[in-house]
Structures are given as C-alpha cells and as structure tokens.
Amino acid sequence: MNRLLDKRVRRLVGKAICEYGLLEDGDRVLVGLSGGKDSLTLLKVLAEREKIVPISYSLVAVTVDLGFSPLPEAELGKFAESLGVEFIVKHTDIGPRSHRPGNPETPCFMCSRMRRKVLFETASELGCNKIALGHTKDDILVTFFMNVLYSGEISTMVPKQELFGGKLTIIRPLALLDEERVEAFARMHRLPIIGDLCPTKGKTKRAEVKKWLQLMFKRDRTLKGNAFHALSNVNLRYLLPRTDGVEKCP
C-alpha cells in the first residue's frame, strides 16, 4: 500500500509537470516552504525527481517567517539539506501586522499579498525564474468556489501562471493531487510538519467553503473529479453573456 501511494503521488506530480509544461531544462526554482504537509511533499518530490529525469533544474527552498512565534529553522533546514537543497529563511512581521486592529483588509488577504511580495523579491534576488507552490487539487477547487460566491467571477488558481511579462512563473506541481493523498504521503515519509499558528486558522470564509466541499465530496466521491474536470470543460454557449448593466429596453 505504501509503495502504491508513493508511486501514485510521484506519478501525478510528473503528469502535472508534463501536461502543463511546468519545468524546463535550466530552470532555477524557488520552492515556497511553509512547513506544512503540502510544501514539504512538494520539495521532497521535486528534489528527488530532478535526479532521475532527463532535464536539469535547481531548487532553493525559501521559508517566509510570518513572525507569530519562533520558527523551527533548524528542523526545516535539516530537511532541505537532506535533499541537497539550499535553504533560506526570510524573517518578517507579516503575521502580527495583518492582524492589527483597524486593518482595512482581511488578515488573510493582507498576509497572502505581503507574503507573495516577499517571495517575488526573493526570487529576483536569487535569480529564480519560477516559484513552486504547494497548492493541491482541493485548493484549486476551494478557490474556484470562493471566487464564484464572494467575488462574482468564474476563475481559480492555475497550474502555471506567468507574471511580469514572463520574467517569473508560478507553478503548482501538486495540482492533480488530492489533499488526503498528500497528507498520507507526508505521514508515510514522516515529514517534519510544522503546525499553523495563525490565530484566524479555521475561522475564515475559505475554511467554511472548504468544509462545505469536504462534506459534499464525502457524500459522493465522484463529485470532486467532476468539479475539477469542469474547470477545463467550459461550455461558453451556456453561460450568460456579459452586459454593461445599462437597461436597453424601453
């Protein structure tokens, strides 16, 4: 069972890389290492995959310390070192700043925006042309429903997103993996998972949507696959035409 799980995870990462064109020969990739199961799995699979595929790319693991509490840098550094990957920590006060009273933005939105800025700046400093993030199939689906329900638009995360005129590209090699499979992989390999110390964890609209989707998917296991397939199976003939909001009828 363990061998099948390991093989399945690596195969789906490879499939995402090939189908979406995520990695190319000569890429220098910044891997966002939060210390959660997703980013740890991402780093392990990418580092070990580079040794057996016919293309060559380099990795650097970057952890953005949000400033909630002392970060176990040594443990994360030891993990990256065991994979032969350079490890860098960027210390910030993003966490406390995003949770200050009177903040005009929601804590999660501000934290995400500022953390992403740090990753962009660090990628530039290190000469990285790509940033790999550990978002899974579940994250992509939650984002889709979040955007529909709270932003009034049909959109989501994409496996490959070019920014700044193509100078930097965000890639999501775990895009075809279910969260529960990633969790099982991390547990099987005893990855050094760091708990999320954010005070708003589990109390956000995103958490509510995720719980709702989990309940639906648990009732019928075909629903997740159908929903994910729908993201690339859009029938524009049966969507409403865009209007300017101005009444044209007398």
C-alpha atoms as a PDB file:
ATOM      1  CA  MET A   1       0.000   0.000   0.000  1.00  0.00           C
ATOM      2  CA  ASN A   2       2.806   2.415   0.927  1.00  0.00           C
ATOM      3  CA  ARG A   3       4.638   1.709  -2.318  1.00  0.00           C
ATOM      4  CA  LEU A   4       1.466   2.289  -4.313  1.00  0.00           C
ATOM      5  CA  LEU A   5       0.806   5.602  -2.546  1.00  0.00           C
ATOM      6  CA  ASP A   6       4.369   6.776  -3.077  1.00  0.00           C
ATOM      7  CA  LYS A   7       4.268   5.815  -6.748  1.00  0.00           C
ATOM      8  CA  ARG A   8       0.864   7.443  -7.247  1.00  0.00           C
ATOM      9  CA  VAL A   9       1.944  10.771  -5.730  1.00  0.00           C
ATOM     10  CA  ARG A  10       5.117  10.946  -7.804  1.00  0.00           C
ATOM     11  CA  ARG A  11       3.268   9.915 -10.965  1.00  0.00           C
ATOM     12  CA  LEU A  12       0.632  12.634 -10.568  1.00  0.00           C
ATOM     13  CA  VAL A  13       3.294  15.275  -9.933  1.00  0.00           C
ATOM     14  CA  GLY A  14       5.082  14.115 -13.063  1.00  0.00           C
ATOM     15  CA  LYS A  15       1.831  14.175 -15.007  1.00  0.00           C
ATOM     16  CA  ALA A  16       1.110  17.766 -13.932  1.00  0.00           C
ATOM     17  CA  ILE A  17       4.639  18.842 -14.850  1.00  0.00           C
ATOM     18  CA  CYS A  18       4.353  17.274 -18.305  1.00  0.00           C
ATOM     19  CA  GLU A  19       0.755  18.220 -19.133  1.00  0.00           C
ATOM     20  CA  TYR A  20       1.070  21.846 -18.022  1.00  0.00           C
ATOM     21  CA  GLY A  21       4.732  22.367 -19.001  1.00  0.00           C
ATOM     22  CA  LEU A  22       5.806  23.363 -15.503  1.00  0.00           C
ATOM     23  CA  LEU A  23       9.548  22.632 -15.600  1.00  0.00           C
ATOM     24  CA  GLU A  24      12.185  23.067 -18.284  1.00  0.00           C
ATOM     25  CA  ASP A  25      15.875  22.404 -18.580  1.00  0.00           C
ATOM     26  CA  GLY A  26      17.883  25.093 -16.781  1.00  0.00           C
ATOM     27  CA  ASP A  27      15.084  26.353 -14.534  1.00  0.00           C
ATOM     28  CA  ARG A  28      16.032  27.775 -11.152  1.00  0.00           C
ATOM     29  CA  VAL A  29      13.035  27.234  -8.910  1.00  0.00           C
ATOM     30  CA  LEU A  30      12.182  28.862  -5.601  1.00  0.00           C
ATOM     31  CA  VAL A  31      10.074  26.408  -3.598  1.00  0.00           C
ATOM     32  CA  GLY A  32       7.834  28.101  -1.041  1.00  0.00           C
ATOM     33  CA  LEU A  33       8.404  26.009   2.093  1.00  0.00           C
ATOM     34  CA  SER A  34       5.827  26.867   4.756  1.00  0.00           C
ATOM     35  CA  GLY A  35       6.465  23.715   6.770  1.00  0.00           C
ATOM     36  CA  GLY A  36       3.010  22.304   6.067  1.00  0.00           C
ATOM     37  CA  LYS A  37       2.406  18.879   4.556  1.00  0.00           C
ATOM     38  CA  ASP A  38       1.874  20.251   1.055  1.00  0.00           C
ATOM     39  CA  SER A  39       5.077  22.276   0.745  1.00  0.00           C
ATOM     40  CA  LEU A  40       7.186  19.561   2.394  1.00  0.00           C
ATOM     41  CA  THR A  41       5.803  16.974  -0.027  1.00  0.00           C
ATOM     42  CA  LEU A  42       6.415  19.342  -2.937  1.00  0.00           C
ATOM     43  CA  LEU A  43      10.060  19.901  -2.016  1.00  0.00           C
ATOM     44  CA  LYS A  44      10.760  16.214  -1.452  1.00  0.00           C
ATOM     45  CA  VAL A  45       9.207  15.073  -4.727  1.00  0.00           C
ATOM     46  CA  LEU A  46      10.805  17.816  -6.848  1.00  0.00           C
ATOM     47  CA  ALA A  47      14.249  17.292  -5.307  1.00  0.00           C
ATOM     48  CA  GLU A  48      14.187  13.534  -5.753  1.00  0.00           C
ATOM     49  CA  ARG A  49      12.641  13.758  -9.219  1.00  0.00           C
ATOM     50  CA  GLU A  50      15.437  16.006 -10.526  1.00  0.00           C
ATOM     51  CA  LYS A  51      17.898  13.145 -10.031  1.00  0.00           C
ATOM     52  CA  ILE A  52      16.051  10.796 -12.408  1.00  0.00           C
ATOM     53  CA  VAL A  53      14.526  12.958 -15.155  1.00  0.00           C
ATOM     54  CA  PRO A  54      16.330  13.927 -18.383  1.00  0.00           C
ATOM     55  CA  ILE A  55      16.223  17.661 -17.638  1.00  0.00           C
ATOM     56  CA  SER A  56      18.276  19.595 -15.116  1.00  0.00           C
ATOM     57  CA  TYR A  57      16.856  22.232 -12.787  1.00  0.00           C
ATOM     58  CA  SER A  58      17.953  23.676  -9.458  1.00  0.00           C
ATOM     59  CA  LEU A  59      15.903  24.288  -6.327  1.00  0.00           C
ATOM     60  CA  VAL A  60      16.136  26.671  -3.409  1.00  0.00           C
ATOM     61  CA  ALA A  61      13.705  26.331  -0.505  1.00  0.00           C
ATOM     62  CA  VAL A  62      12.504  29.623   0.965  1.00  0.00           C
ATOM     63  CA  THR A  63      10.510  29.925   4.184  1.00  0.00           C
ATOM     64  CA  VAL A  64       8.780  33.210   4.955  1.00  0.00           C
ATOM     65  CA  ASP A  65       8.686  33.514   8.744  1.00  0.00           C
ATOM     66  CA  LEU A  66       5.428  35.355   9.440  1.00  0.00           C
ATOM     67  CA  GLY A  67       6.508  36.340  12.947  1.00  0.00           C
ATOM     68  CA  PHE A  68       3.851  34.579  15.014  1.00  0.00           C
ATOM     69  CA  SER A  69       6.339  32.630  17.138  1.00  0.00           C
ATOM     70  CA  PRO A  70       9.908  31.282  16.956  1.00  0.00           C
ATOM     71  CA  LEU A  71      10.293  29.250  13.781  1.00  0.00           C
ATOM     72  CA  PRO A  72      11.983  25.815  13.976  1.00  0.00           C
ATOM     73  CA  GLU A  73      14.524  26.824  11.333  1.00  0.00           C
ATOM     74  CA  ALA A  74      16.961  24.067  12.227  1.00  0.00           C
ATOM     75  CA  GLU A  75      14.403  21.336  11.551  1.00  0.00           C
ATOM     76  CA  LEU A  76      13.360  22.776   8.193  1.00  0.00           C
ATOM     77  CA  GLY A  77      16.972  23.427   7.259  1.00  0.00           C
ATOM     78  CA  LYS A  78      17.947  19.866   8.121  1.00  0.00           C
ATOM     79  CA  PHE A  79      15.117  18.536   5.944  1.00  0.00           C
ATOM     80  CA  ALA A  80      16.154  20.679   2.959  1.00  0.00           C
ATOM     81  CA  GLU A  81      19.803  19.724   3.471  1.00  0.00           C
ATOM     82  CA  SER A  82      18.905  16.018   3.459  1.00  0.00           C
ATOM     83  CA  LEU A  83      17.509  16.567  -0.045  1.00  0.00           C
ATOM     84  CA  GLY A  84      20.542  18.541  -1.205  1.00  0.00           C
ATOM     85  CA  VAL A  85      18.538  21.775  -1.434  1.00  0.00           C
ATOM     86  CA  GLU A  86      19.672  25.244  -0.385  1.00  0.00           C
ATOM     87  CA  PHE A  87      17.513  26.681   2.422  1.00  0.00           C
ATOM     88  CA  ILE A  88      16.790  30.346   3.167  1.00  0.00           C
ATOM     89  CA  VAL A  89      14.543  31.988   5.769  1.00  0.00           C
ATOM     90  CA  LYS A  90      13.054  35.440   5.363  1.00  0.00           C
ATOM     91  CA  HIS A  91      12.057  36.877   8.749  1.00  0.00           C
ATOM     92  CA  THR A  92       9.077  39.250   8.709  1.00  0.00           C
ATOM     93  CA  ASP A  93       6.334  40.654  10.946  1.00  0.00           C
ATOM     94  CA  ILE A  94       3.634  39.997   8.348  1.00  0.00           C
ATOM     95  CA  GLY A  95       1.511  37.919  10.734  1.00  0.00           C
ATOM     96  CA  PRO A  96       1.142  40.482  13.540  1.00  0.00           C
ATOM     97  CA  ARG A  97       0.806  43.366  11.067  1.00  0.00           C
ATOM     98  CA  SER A  98      -2.026  41.696   9.156  1.00  0.00           C
ATOM     99  CA  HIS A  99      -3.917  41.070  12.407  1.00  0.00           C
ATOM    100  CA  ARG A 100      -3.672  44.608  13.790  1.00  0.00           C
ATOM    101  CA  PRO A 101      -6.960  46.269  14.775  1.00  0.00           C
ATOM    102  CA  GLY A 102      -8.187  48.716  12.165  1.00  0.00           C
ATOM    103  CA  ASN A 103      -6.605  46.864   9.263  1.00  0.00           C
ATOM    104  CA  PRO A 104      -8.757  47.795   6.216  1.00  0.00           C
ATOM    105  CA  GLU A 105      -8.065  44.406   4.598  1.00  0.00           C
ATOM    106  CA  THR A 106      -8.943  40.986   5.952  1.00  0.00           C
ATOM    107  CA  PRO A 107      -5.959  39.387   7.750  1.00  0.00           C
ATOM    108  CA  CYS A 108      -5.737  36.515   5.263  1.00  0.00           C
ATOM    109  CA  PHE A 109      -5.821  38.778   2.208  1.00  0.00           C
ATOM    110  CA  MET A 110      -3.155  41.116   3.572  1.00  0.00           C
ATOM    111  CA  CYS A 111      -0.957  38.263   4.796  1.00  0.00           C
ATOM    112  CA  SER A 112      -1.166  36.450   1.462  1.00  0.00           C
ATOM    113  CA  ARG A 113      -0.400  39.608  -0.519  1.00  0.00           C
ATOM    114  CA  MET A 114       2.606  40.560   1.601  1.00  0.00           C
ATOM    115  CA  ARG A 115       3.975  37.011   1.729  1.00  0.00           C
ATOM    116  CA  ARG A 116       3.707  36.755  -2.048  1.00  0.00           C
ATOM    117  CA  LYS A 117       5.621  40.033  -2.385  1.00  0.00           C
ATOM    118  CA  VAL A 118       8.460  38.634  -0.251  1.00  0.00           C
ATOM    119  CA  LEU A 119       8.613  35.522  -2.451  1.00  0.00           C
ATOM    120  CA  PHE A 120       8.700  37.628  -5.632  1.00  0.00           C
ATOM    121  CA  GLU A 121      11.515  39.818  -4.278  1.00  0.00           C
ATOM    122  CA  THR A 122      13.467  36.801  -3.049  1.00  0.00           C
ATOM    123  CA  ALA A 123      13.107  35.034  -6.395  1.00  0.00           C
ATOM    124  CA  SER A 124      14.583  38.103  -8.072  1.00  0.00           C
ATOM    125  CA  GLU A 125      17.465  38.238  -5.569  1.00  0.00           C
ATOM    126  CA  LEU A 126      18.299  34.570  -6.099  1.00  0.00           C
ATOM    127  CA  GLY A 127      17.952  34.584  -9.883  1.00  0.00           C
ATOM    128  CA  CYS A 128      14.961  32.229  -9.855  1.00  0.00           C
ATOM    129  CA  ASN A 129      12.703  32.233 -12.891  1.00  0.00           C
ATOM    130  CA  LYS A 130       9.993  30.102 -11.268  1.00  0.00           C
ATOM    131  CA  ILE A 131       8.231  29.841  -7.902  1.00  0.00           C
ATOM    132  CA  ALA A 132       6.748  26.457  -6.977  1.00  0.00           C
ATOM    133  CA  LEU A 133       3.833  26.497  -4.530  1.00  0.00           C
ATOM    134  CA  GLY A 134       2.205  23.513  -2.839  1.00  0.00           C
ATOM    135  CA  HIS A 135      -1.413  24.086  -3.813  1.00  0.00           C
ATOM    136  CA  THR A 136      -3.376  20.880  -4.357  1.00  0.00           C
ATOM    137  CA  LYS A 137      -6.480  19.960  -6.366  1.00  0.00           C
ATOM    138  CA  ASP A 138      -8.550  20.798  -3.267  1.00  0.00           C
ATOM    139  CA  ASP A 139      -7.030  24.306  -3.052  1.00  0.00           C
ATOM    140  CA  ILE A 140      -7.866  24.922  -6.708  1.00  0.00           C
ATOM    141  CA  LEU A 141     -11.484  23.848  -6.195  1.00  0.00           C
ATOM    142  CA  VAL A 142     -11.909  25.889  -2.999  1.00  0.00           C
ATOM    143  CA  THR A 143     -10.537  28.962  -4.773  1.00  0.00           C
ATOM    144  CA  PHE A 144     -12.970  28.453  -7.641  1.00  0.00           C
ATOM    145  CA  PHE A 145     -15.993  28.361  -5.333  1.00  0.00           C
ATOM    146  CA  MET A 146     -14.632  31.259  -3.257  1.00  0.00           C
ATOM    147  CA  ASN A 147     -14.377  33.398  -6.391  1.00  0.00           C
ATOM    148  CA  VAL A 148     -17.857  32.426  -7.560  1.00  0.00           C
ATOM    149  CA  LEU A 149     -19.506  33.052  -4.176  1.00  0.00           C
ATOM    150  CA  TYR A 150     -17.589  36.082  -2.909  1.00  0.00           C
ATOM    151  CA  SER A 151     -16.083  37.759  -5.996  1.00  0.00           C
ATOM    152  CA  GLY A 152     -18.824  37.065  -8.532  1.00  0.00           C
ATOM    153  CA  GLU A 153     -16.458  35.666 -11.156  1.00  0.00           C
ATOM    154  CA  ILE A 154     -15.541  32.312 -12.628  1.00  0.00           C
ATOM    155  CA  SER A 155     -11.813  31.856 -12.018  1.00  0.00           C
ATOM    156  CA  THR A 156      -9.348  29.907  -9.898  1.00  0.00           C
ATOM    157  CA  MET A 157      -5.646  29.170  -9.389  1.00  0.00           C
ATOM    158  CA  VAL A 158      -3.949  27.758 -12.458  1.00  0.00           C
ATOM    159  CA  PRO A 159      -1.098  25.212 -12.571  1.00  0.00           C
ATOM    160  CA  LYS A 160       1.122  27.663 -14.466  1.00  0.00           C
ATOM    161  CA  GLN A 161       0.886  31.439 -14.301  1.00  0.00           C
ATOM    162  CA  GLU A 162       3.335  33.807 -15.994  1.00  0.00           C
ATOM    163  CA  LEU A 163       3.930  37.172 -14.344  1.00  0.00           C
ATOM    164  CA  PHE A 164       5.810  40.371 -15.160  1.00  0.00           C
ATOM    165  CA  GLY A 165       5.853  39.720 -18.885  1.00  0.00           C
ATOM    166  CA  GLY A 166       7.072  36.163 -18.447  1.00  0.00           C
ATOM    167  CA  LYS A 167      10.082  37.041 -16.274  1.00  0.00           C
ATOM    168  CA  LEU A 168       8.647  34.994 -13.408  1.00  0.00           C
ATOM    169  CA  THR A 169       6.307  31.995 -13.476  1.00  0.00           C
ATOM    170  CA  ILE A 170       4.317  30.473 -10.628  1.00  0.00           C
ATOM    171  CA  ILE A 171       3.922  26.695 -10.904  1.00  0.00           C
ATOM    172  CA  ARG A 172       1.763  24.304  -8.885  1.00  0.00           C
ATOM    173  CA  PRO A 173       3.084  20.746  -9.390  1.00  0.00           C
ATOM    174  CA  LEU A 174       0.594  19.281  -6.860  1.00  0.00           C
ATOM    175  CA  ALA A 175      -2.383  20.492  -8.927  1.00  0.00           C
ATOM    176  CA  LEU A 176      -3.595  16.958  -9.718  1.00  0.00           C
ATOM    177  CA  LEU A 177      -3.205  15.620  -6.171  1.00  0.00           C
ATOM    178  CA  ASP A 178      -5.967  15.301  -3.579  1.00  0.00           C
ATOM    179  CA  GLU A 179      -5.159  16.779  -0.191  1.00  0.00           C
ATOM    180  CA  GLU A 180      -5.807  13.493   1.622  1.00  0.00           C
ATOM    181  CA  ARG A 181      -3.267  11.728  -0.596  1.00  0.00           C
ATOM    182  CA  VAL A 182      -0.651  14.391   0.167  1.00  0.00           C
ATOM    183  CA  GLU A 183      -1.399  14.029   3.876  1.00  0.00           C
ATOM    184  CA  ALA A 184      -0.921  10.260   3.682  1.00  0.00           C
ATOM    185  CA  PHE A 185       2.360  10.718   1.783  1.00  0.00           C
ATOM    186  CA  ALA A 186       3.677  13.185   4.371  1.00  0.00           C
ATOM    187  CA  ARG A 187       2.707  10.857   7.194  1.00  0.00           C
ATOM    188  CA  MET A 188       4.273   7.839   5.484  1.00  0.00           C
ATOM    189  CA  HIS A 189       7.601   9.645   4.997  1.00  0.00           C
ATOM    190  CA  ARG A 190       7.431  11.269   8.450  1.00  0.00           C
ATOM    191  CA  LEU A 191       7.949  14.737   7.057  1.00  0.00           C
ATOM    192  CA  PRO A 192       8.704  17.423   9.717  1.00  0.00           C
ATOM    193  CA  ILE A 193       5.316  19.165   9.623  1.00  0.00           C
ATOM    194  CA  ILE A 194       5.050  22.490  11.458  1.00  0.00           C
ATOM    195  CA  GLY A 195       1.669  23.417  12.886  1.00  0.00           C
ATOM    196  CA  ASP A 196      -0.114  26.517  11.594  1.00  0.00           C
ATOM    197  CA  LEU A 197      -0.035  29.115  14.384  1.00  0.00           C
ATOM    198  CA  CYS A 198      -2.201  31.714  12.619  1.00  0.00           C
ATOM    199  CA  PRO A 199      -4.923  32.928  15.053  1.00  0.00           C
ATOM    200  CA  THR A 200      -7.536  33.017  12.282  1.00  0.00           C
ATOM    201  CA  LYS A 201      -6.897  29.443  11.122  1.00  0.00           C
ATOM    202  CA  GLY A 202     -10.207  27.635  10.571  1.00  0.00           C
ATOM    203  CA  LYS A 203     -12.256  30.810  11.105  1.00  0.00           C
ATOM    204  CA  THR A 204     -12.273  32.233   7.587  1.00  0.00           C
ATOM    205  CA  LYS A 205     -14.740  32.149   4.702  1.00  0.00           C
ATOM    206  CA  ARG A 206     -12.241  29.958   2.887  1.00  0.00           C
ATOM    207  CA  ALA A 207     -12.362  27.451   5.742  1.00  0.00           C
ATOM    208  CA  GLU A 208     -16.176  27.468   5.587  1.00  0.00           C
ATOM    209  CA  VAL A 209     -16.198  26.779   1.848  1.00  0.00           C
ATOM    210  CA  LYS A 210     -13.607  24.028   2.295  1.00  0.00           C
ATOM    211  CA  LYS A 211     -15.694  22.297   4.982  1.00  0.00           C
ATOM    212  CA  TRP A 212     -18.800  22.529   2.798  1.00  0.00           C
ATOM    213  CA  LEU A 213     -16.975  20.985  -0.166  1.00  0.00           C
ATOM    214  CA  GLN A 214     -15.495  18.231   2.002  1.00  0.00           C
ATOM    215  CA  LEU A 215     -18.982  17.319   3.178  1.00  0.00           C
ATOM    216  CA  MET A 216     -20.270  17.163  -0.405  1.00  0.00           C
ATOM    217  CA  PHE A 217     -17.290  15.139  -1.629  1.00  0.00           C
ATOM    218  CA  LYS A 218     -17.641  12.723   1.274  1.00  0.00           C
ATOM    219  CA  ARG A 219     -21.267  12.013   0.334  1.00  0.00           C
ATOM    220  CA  ASP A 220     -20.385  11.245  -3.274  1.00  0.00           C
ATOM    221  CA  ARG A 221     -16.754  10.602  -4.203  1.00  0.00           C
ATOM    222  CA  THR A 222     -17.399  11.297  -7.887  1.00  0.00           C
ATOM    223  CA  LEU A 223     -18.194  14.957  -7.252  1.00  0.00           C
ATOM    224  CA  LYS A 224     -14.624  16.174  -6.750  1.00  0.00           C
ATOM    225  CA  GLY A 225     -13.462  14.657 -10.026  1.00  0.00           C
ATOM    226  CA  ASN A 226     -16.467  16.089 -11.847  1.00  0.00           C
ATOM    227  CA  ALA A 227     -15.913  19.570 -10.395  1.00  0.00           C
ATOM    228  CA  PHE A 228     -12.204  19.544 -11.262  1.00  0.00           C
ATOM    229  CA  HIS A 229     -12.906  18.310 -14.802  1.00  0.00           C
ATOM    230  CA  ALA A 230     -15.442  21.126 -15.234  1.00  0.00           C
ATOM    231  CA  LEU A 231     -12.666  23.708 -14.790  1.00  0.00           C
ATOM    232  CA  SER A 232     -11.229  22.700 -18.170  1.00  0.00           C
ATOM    233  CA  ASN A 233     -14.544  21.750 -19.808  1.00  0.00           C
ATOM    234  CA  VAL A 234     -16.256  25.125 -20.139  1.00  0.00           C
ATOM    235  CA  ASN A 235     -19.251  25.399 -22.458  1.00  0.00           C
ATOM    236  CA  LEU A 236     -19.424  29.108 -23.240  1.00  0.00           C
ATOM    237  CA  ARG A 237     -22.666  28.650 -25.202  1.00  0.00           C
ATOM    238  CA  TYR A 238     -24.462  28.021 -21.932  1.00  0.00           C
ATOM    239  CA  LEU A 239     -23.061  30.886 -19.873  1.00  0.00           C
ATOM    240  CA  LEU A 240     -24.742  34.275 -19.658  1.00  0.00           C
ATOM    241  CA  PRO A 241     -23.432  36.999 -21.987  1.00  0.00           C
ATOM    242  CA  ARG A 242     -21.623  39.849 -20.280  1.00  0.00           C
ATOM    243  CA  THR A 243     -23.621  43.072 -20.021  1.00  0.00           C
ATOM    244  CA  ASP A 244     -22.692  46.648 -19.072  1.00  0.00           C
ATOM    245  CA  GLY A 245     -25.531  46.859 -16.545  1.00  0.00           C
ATOM    246  CA  VAL A 246     -27.401  49.509 -18.519  1.00  0.00           C
ATOM    247  CA  GLU A 247     -31.050  48.814 -19.346  1.00  0.00           C
ATOM    248  CA  LYS A 248     -31.564  48.985 -23.096  1.00  0.00           C
ATOM    249  CA  CYS A 249     -35.231  48.003 -23.235  1.00  0.00           C
ATOM    250  CA  PRO A 250     -37.909  50.717 -23.151  1.00  0.00           C
END
